[in-house]
Protein backbone atom coordinates (compact mmCIF):
# COMPACT_ATOMS: atom_id res chain seq x y z
CA MET A 1 130.11 194.13 129.31
CA ALA A 2 127.21 195.33 127.25
CA VAL A 3 127.03 198.91 126.15
CA SER A 4 123.52 200.31 125.61
CA GLY A 5 122.54 202.08 122.36
CA ALA A 6 122.51 205.38 124.35
CA ARG A 7 126.08 204.92 125.22
CA ARG A 8 127.08 204.20 121.73
CA THR A 9 125.47 207.49 120.72
CA VAL A 10 127.48 209.24 123.36
CA TYR A 11 130.63 207.69 122.12
CA THR A 12 129.89 208.65 118.56
CA VAL A 13 129.70 212.27 119.52
CA LEU A 14 132.77 212.04 121.69
CA GLY A 15 134.54 210.24 118.80
CA LEU A 16 134.20 213.43 116.68
CA SER A 17 135.37 215.66 119.28
CA THR A 18 137.74 214.78 122.14
CA LEU A 19 138.49 210.90 121.63
CA VAL A 20 138.90 210.76 117.81
CA LEU A 21 140.11 207.24 118.35
CA SER A 22 138.56 205.84 115.09
CA GLY A 23 141.60 206.81 112.89
CA CYS A 24 144.26 205.82 115.49
CA ALA A 25 146.23 202.68 115.14
CA GLY A 26 149.81 203.71 115.66
CA VAL A 27 152.39 205.69 113.91
CA SER A 28 151.24 206.79 110.52
CA THR A 29 152.80 204.87 107.71
CA SER A 30 150.68 204.88 104.57
CA PRO A 31 151.60 202.22 102.03
CA THR A 32 153.03 203.21 98.83
CA ALA A 33 151.62 202.39 95.41
CA ASN A 34 153.53 199.06 95.26
CA GLY A 35 152.25 197.95 98.68
CA ALA A 36 155.44 198.69 100.55
CA SER A 37 155.72 200.98 103.48
CA PRO A 38 157.83 204.09 102.80
CA SER A 39 160.25 202.63 105.47
CA ALA A 40 160.83 199.43 103.23
CA SER A 41 163.64 201.44 101.48
CA ALA A 42 165.39 202.40 104.69
CA ALA A 43 168.90 201.43 104.76
CA CYS A 44 169.79 198.08 106.36
CA ALA A 45 173.36 197.13 105.77
CA THR A 46 175.00 194.42 108.00
CA PRO A 47 178.47 192.81 108.05
CA ALA A 48 178.62 189.03 107.74
CA PRO A 49 177.65 187.55 111.02
CA ASP A 50 180.30 186.62 113.42
CA LEU A 51 179.52 182.87 113.88
CA ARG A 52 181.88 182.90 116.99
CA ALA A 53 179.93 185.38 118.79
CA ALA A 54 177.68 184.08 121.79
CA TYR A 55 174.51 185.09 120.32
CA ASN A 56 175.22 182.94 117.16
CA ARG A 57 176.06 179.66 119.23
CA PRO A 58 173.57 177.07 120.07
CA TYR A 59 171.34 178.13 123.22
CA GLN A 60 168.61 176.82 125.43
CA VAL A 61 165.39 178.45 126.38
CA HIS A 62 162.72 176.75 128.51
CA GLY A 63 164.71 173.51 128.28
CA ARG A 64 164.67 173.49 124.44
CA THR A 65 167.94 173.78 122.35
CA TYR A 66 168.20 176.01 119.46
CA ALA A 67 171.09 176.13 116.84
CA PRO A 68 171.38 179.17 114.72
CA LEU A 69 172.10 178.73 111.14
CA ASN A 70 175.71 179.22 109.81
CA SER A 71 174.37 181.29 106.86
CA SER A 72 171.22 183.14 105.76
CA ALA A 73 171.79 182.34 102.12
CA GLY A 74 168.73 181.12 100.51
CA TYR A 75 166.53 181.75 103.44
CA ALA A 76 163.02 182.12 102.52
CA VAL A 77 160.26 181.04 104.95
CA ARG A 78 156.42 181.65 105.39
CA GLY A 79 154.75 181.61 108.81
CA MET A 80 153.15 183.55 111.41
CA ALA A 81 154.81 186.69 112.90
CA SER A 82 153.99 188.45 116.07
CA TRP A 83 155.32 191.65 117.53
CA TYR A 84 156.82 192.89 120.81
CA GLY A 85 157.13 196.31 122.42
CA TRP A 86 158.36 198.30 125.33
CA GLU A 87 158.27 195.81 128.14
CA SER A 88 160.23 193.19 126.34
CA GLY A 89 163.48 194.28 127.56
CA SER A 90 165.96 197.07 127.22
CA THR A 91 168.66 195.21 125.00
CA THR A 92 168.72 192.73 122.22
CA ALA A 93 170.52 189.39 122.22
CA MET A 94 173.27 191.15 120.52
CA GLY A 95 173.68 193.56 123.39
CA THR A 96 172.43 196.54 121.34
CA PRO A 97 169.71 198.80 122.70
CA PHE A 98 166.21 197.74 121.80
CA ARG A 99 164.11 200.50 120.28
CA PRO A 100 160.51 199.41 119.78
CA ARG A 101 159.82 202.00 116.95
CA ALA A 102 162.94 200.80 114.96
CA PHE A 103 162.51 198.29 112.17
CA SER A 104 164.09 195.28 113.86
CA ALA A 105 163.17 191.62 114.42
CA ALA A 106 163.94 188.43 116.29
CA SER A 107 164.53 185.13 115.02
CA ARG A 108 165.25 181.81 116.57
CA ASP A 109 167.55 180.51 113.71
CA LEU A 110 168.85 183.34 111.63
CA PRO A 111 172.49 184.32 112.16
CA LEU A 112 172.76 187.79 113.91
CA PRO A 113 172.91 190.36 112.33
CA THR A 114 170.84 189.77 109.08
CA CYS A 115 168.77 192.12 107.10
CA ALA A 116 165.55 190.45 105.83
CA ARG A 117 162.50 191.67 103.90
CA VAL A 118 159.22 190.87 105.65
CA THR A 119 156.05 190.73 103.70
CA ASN A 120 152.59 190.74 105.21
CA LEU A 121 150.72 188.21 103.04
CA SER A 122 147.41 189.51 104.29
CA ASN A 123 147.82 192.94 102.61
CA GLY A 124 151.03 192.87 100.45
CA ARG A 125 152.87 195.52 102.60
CA SER A 126 156.66 194.88 103.06
CA VAL A 127 159.51 196.28 105.27
CA ILE A 128 163.21 195.63 105.64
CA VAL A 129 164.22 194.83 109.03
CA LEU A 130 167.43 194.16 110.98
CA VAL A 131 167.26 190.84 112.71
CA ASN A 132 169.22 191.43 115.94
CA ASP A 133 167.35 189.44 118.56
CA ARG A 134 166.33 186.00 119.52
CA GLY A 135 162.75 184.64 119.56
CA PRO A 136 159.87 184.17 119.35
CA PHE A 137 159.86 181.15 121.77
CA VAL A 138 156.15 180.26 121.05
CA ASP A 139 155.05 177.39 118.85
CA GLY A 140 153.75 178.26 115.52
CA ARG A 141 155.59 181.62 115.26
CA ALA A 142 158.24 182.25 112.77
CA MET A 143 159.32 185.81 113.74
CA ASP A 144 158.89 188.49 116.30
CA LEU A 145 158.73 192.04 114.88
CA SER A 146 159.21 195.36 116.71
CA TYR A 147 156.36 197.65 117.07
CA GLY A 148 157.61 199.96 114.30
CA ALA A 149 157.90 197.18 111.81
CA ALA A 150 154.53 195.43 112.85
CA ASN A 151 152.92 198.98 112.50
CA ALA A 152 154.29 199.49 109.07
CA LEU A 153 153.05 196.07 107.91
CA GLY A 154 149.55 196.83 109.08
CA MET A 155 149.51 194.11 111.77
CA ALA A 156 149.86 196.05 115.10
CA GLY A 157 146.23 195.90 115.63
CA GLN A 158 145.63 192.14 115.46
CA GLY A 159 148.93 191.08 116.95
CA VAL A 160 149.78 188.31 114.50
CA ALA A 161 149.80 187.97 110.82
CA PRO A 162 151.07 185.55 107.93
CA VAL A 163 154.28 186.77 106.58
CA GLU A 164 157.07 185.74 104.17
CA ILE A 165 160.58 186.33 105.44
CA VAL A 166 163.40 186.49 102.99
CA ALA A 167 166.97 187.00 104.24
CA LEU A 168 169.10 189.60 102.35
CA ALA A 169 172.83 189.09 101.73
CA ALA A 170 175.44 190.81 103.93
CA VAL A 171 177.50 193.65 102.62
CA ALA A 172 180.76 193.56 104.35
CA ALA A 173 183.24 191.51 106.52
CA PRO A 174 182.70 191.38 110.21
CA PRO A 175 183.55 194.50 112.11
CA PRO A 176 186.99 194.59 113.62
CA GLY A 177 187.53 193.39 117.17
CA THR A 178 185.96 190.06 116.70
CA SER A 179 188.88 187.61 116.83
CA ARG A 180 187.41 186.08 119.93
CA GLY A 181 183.97 186.25 119.06
CA THR A 182 183.17 189.51 120.95
CA VAL A 183 182.52 193.11 119.77
CA THR A 184 181.26 196.00 121.49
CA ALA A 185 177.57 197.08 120.95
CA ALA A 186 178.85 200.43 119.49
CA ALA A 187 180.40 198.55 116.53
CA LEU A 188 177.20 196.76 115.71
CA PRO A 189 174.68 197.80 113.16
CA MET A 190 171.47 199.54 114.39
CA ALA A 191 168.03 199.16 112.89
CA PRO A 192 166.46 201.88 110.86
CA GLU A 193 164.01 203.93 112.74
CA ILE A 194 161.34 206.57 111.89
CA PRO A 195 161.67 209.38 114.37
CA ALA A 196 158.58 209.96 116.44
CA PRO A 197 157.58 211.52 119.80
CA SER A 198 156.47 209.46 122.68
CA GLN A 199 152.75 208.71 122.47
CA THR A 200 149.99 208.11 125.07
CA PHE A 201 148.12 204.85 125.17
CA LEU A 202 145.22 203.59 127.55
CA GLN A 203 145.76 200.10 128.72
CA THR A 204 142.83 197.98 130.01
CA GLY A 205 144.63 194.93 131.03
CA ALA A 206 147.36 192.25 130.51
CA PHE A 207 146.48 188.52 129.84
CA SER A 208 148.71 185.53 129.94
CA ARG A 209 146.47 183.89 127.06
CA VAL A 210 146.12 185.63 123.69
CA ASN A 211 142.52 184.32 123.47
CA ASN A 212 141.56 186.35 126.69
CA ALA A 213 143.31 189.50 125.15
CA THR A 214 141.36 188.98 121.92
CA ARG A 215 138.01 188.76 123.74
CA GLU A 216 138.95 191.94 125.53
CA ARG A 217 139.78 193.66 122.24
CA ASN A 218 136.58 192.53 120.68
CA ARG A 219 134.49 193.75 123.59
CA LEU A 220 136.07 197.34 123.10
CA LEU A 221 135.64 197.18 119.34
CA HIS A 222 131.99 196.06 119.75
CA ALA A 223 131.39 199.15 122.00
CA GLY A 224 132.45 201.26 119.02
CA ILE A 225 136.09 202.09 120.26
CA ARG A 226 138.74 202.02 117.53
CA GLY A 227 142.50 201.96 117.70
CA VAL A 228 142.57 198.79 119.91
CA LEU A 229 146.00 197.00 119.93
CA ILE A 230 147.04 193.63 121.32
CA VAL A 231 150.59 194.28 122.47
CA PRO A 232 152.65 191.13 123.16
CA GLY A 233 155.53 191.36 125.66
CA LEU A 234 157.44 189.54 128.34
CA VAL A 235 157.10 190.36 131.93
CA ASN A 236 159.64 188.62 134.21
CA GLY A 237 160.30 186.14 131.49
CA GLN A 238 156.57 185.30 130.95
CA GLN A 239 154.64 186.14 127.87
CA TYR A 240 151.72 188.46 128.25
CA TYR A 241 149.35 190.26 125.78
CA LYS A 242 148.31 193.76 126.76
CA VAL A 243 145.16 195.42 125.37
CA GLN A 244 145.77 199.13 124.61
CA ILE A 245 143.85 201.88 122.99
CA GLY A 246 145.70 204.65 120.95
CA PRO A 247 147.88 206.47 120.53
CA LEU A 248 145.58 209.19 121.67
CA PRO A 249 145.49 212.31 119.35
CA GLY A 250 147.70 215.38 120.17
CA GLY A 251 145.98 217.78 122.61
CA VAL A 252 143.74 215.16 124.28
CA ALA A 253 144.22 214.67 127.88
CA ALA A 254 144.46 210.97 128.98
CA VAL A 255 142.53 211.80 132.25
CA GLN A 256 139.59 213.33 130.17
CA VAL A 257 139.39 210.26 127.91
CA ILE A 258 139.46 207.90 130.96
CA ALA A 259 136.63 209.90 132.64
CA GLU A 260 134.44 209.65 129.41
CA LEU A 261 135.11 205.98 128.97
CA ARG A 262 134.01 205.30 132.53
CA GLN A 263 130.72 207.13 131.80
CA MET A 264 130.26 204.49 129.06
CA GLY A 265 130.84 201.69 131.41
CA PHE A 266 134.52 201.00 131.18
CA HIS A 267 136.52 201.28 134.40
CA ASP A 268 139.92 199.61 134.20
CA PHE A 269 141.97 201.97 132.00
CA TYR A 270 145.15 203.65 132.85
CA SER A 271 147.41 205.67 130.65
CA ILE A 272 150.97 204.82 129.64
CA GLU A 273 153.56 206.82 127.71
CA GLN A 274 155.74 204.89 125.03
């Protein structure tokens, strides 16, 4: 949808008053001098993985069999990482709560749990994450990151980025109660998390193909709208890519922003809290 020059001017004025979306792209995590997010130093200490646990045994997804590694020692790979958010499920493969703002990740082959340093090769930022889930089950992807980790790495906006993944050594023996390969979720490590209140986003659509989501994002950017995210996620087991704007700045009502966007020619937004 084309947006006229007059509408662009209107948006510029709105951007300085009520919308102020140009500086919004997620939770603020400014990089430090060495290129790492402040969260990179967050504690991530795991016991040695229990290889008898169900989540460390061979498994099948979509007819393909995956065999997790027996050890993460020497694990260092480069590849593309994506990220997943609120609609991807409430628990991890380990049975622990999935918290999108925590610094966690999913791997098809690393033993769970494993701490790993992930570096965005596009900008040099790095974070330490707790690998506690399985995925991504998409060809050409090496890891799925939580929203918190992706945002700290500066890749939440584009959805994917080239990364280097280096596994870190475990610090202790497996937790007690694992003699039969089972352990309660309460005894398992939790990923570090930056406390943050819920935020309001505007969603314009969900697409089964990332190319369609990218076109929608580019359409919004071309109209002068900033803070546009492509948010991967699973809906009833199928991969979708949601296009969202935000988070909205504090004190700005979503209904007001939606009304102003409709005046600019955009009609399919609705607000979500996450």
